[in-house]
Amino acid sequence: MRPDCRAGDAVDRKMHYEAAFESYLQAKAWPYVAVDEAKKAAFGIASLKSFDFVVYSEAGPNLLVEVKGRKFPNTAGGRRSGRAWENWVTRDDVDSMAQWQEVFGAGFVGMLVFAYWLQGPAAEAPFEDVHFFRGRYYAFVGIRCDRYVSMAKPRSPRWQTMTVPTRQFSREAADIVSFL
């Protein structure tokens, strides 16, 4: 599916990955709330890193979504330029998401959504569902935060980042549709 969304369809977000994900949610008509960074202090835990969206699900728990934008290399013709399935996150991302999950309680689950900006032809990418937004193609895969943490390895101790090995991540992450 490749719905063509106009530039004004999604909230004007600074990060094109988040704007593309919001456009995707709108195109699918899934109910969601975009989290306003300025309003998170209302929860009384202002030191906690905010997440990006609450997405309501009919199929399972509602999702507390942290969008992580990455480029996905051109894989057309078997070539690779760049790192496919790049999926690093910071320790703060996952620690904060675990705390937000506690704040929201039962019926909500922390979800990392990797928004991949496709660098090659969309038809050649290994994704079932590709979304066109502002002249670019994106694919969205998700993984529960707790599942991600259970598989993650340190990436950079200095920057407090972690990653899941590529093969394992490509098997475990699923199209966001499967969670909704």
Foldseek 3Di string as FASTA:
>chain_A
DEDEDDQPPFDDDPDVLLRQVRVVCVVVVWDKDFDDLVPPCVLVCNVQDAATMFTCDPPAFIEREHEDEDEAAACPPNDGDDDHPWDKDAPSLLVSQVVVCVVVDPRYFYKYKYKYWYPHDPVPDPAPDWYDYPRTIIFIWMDTSVVQVVQWDDDDPVRRMIGHPRVVSVVHIGGVVVVD
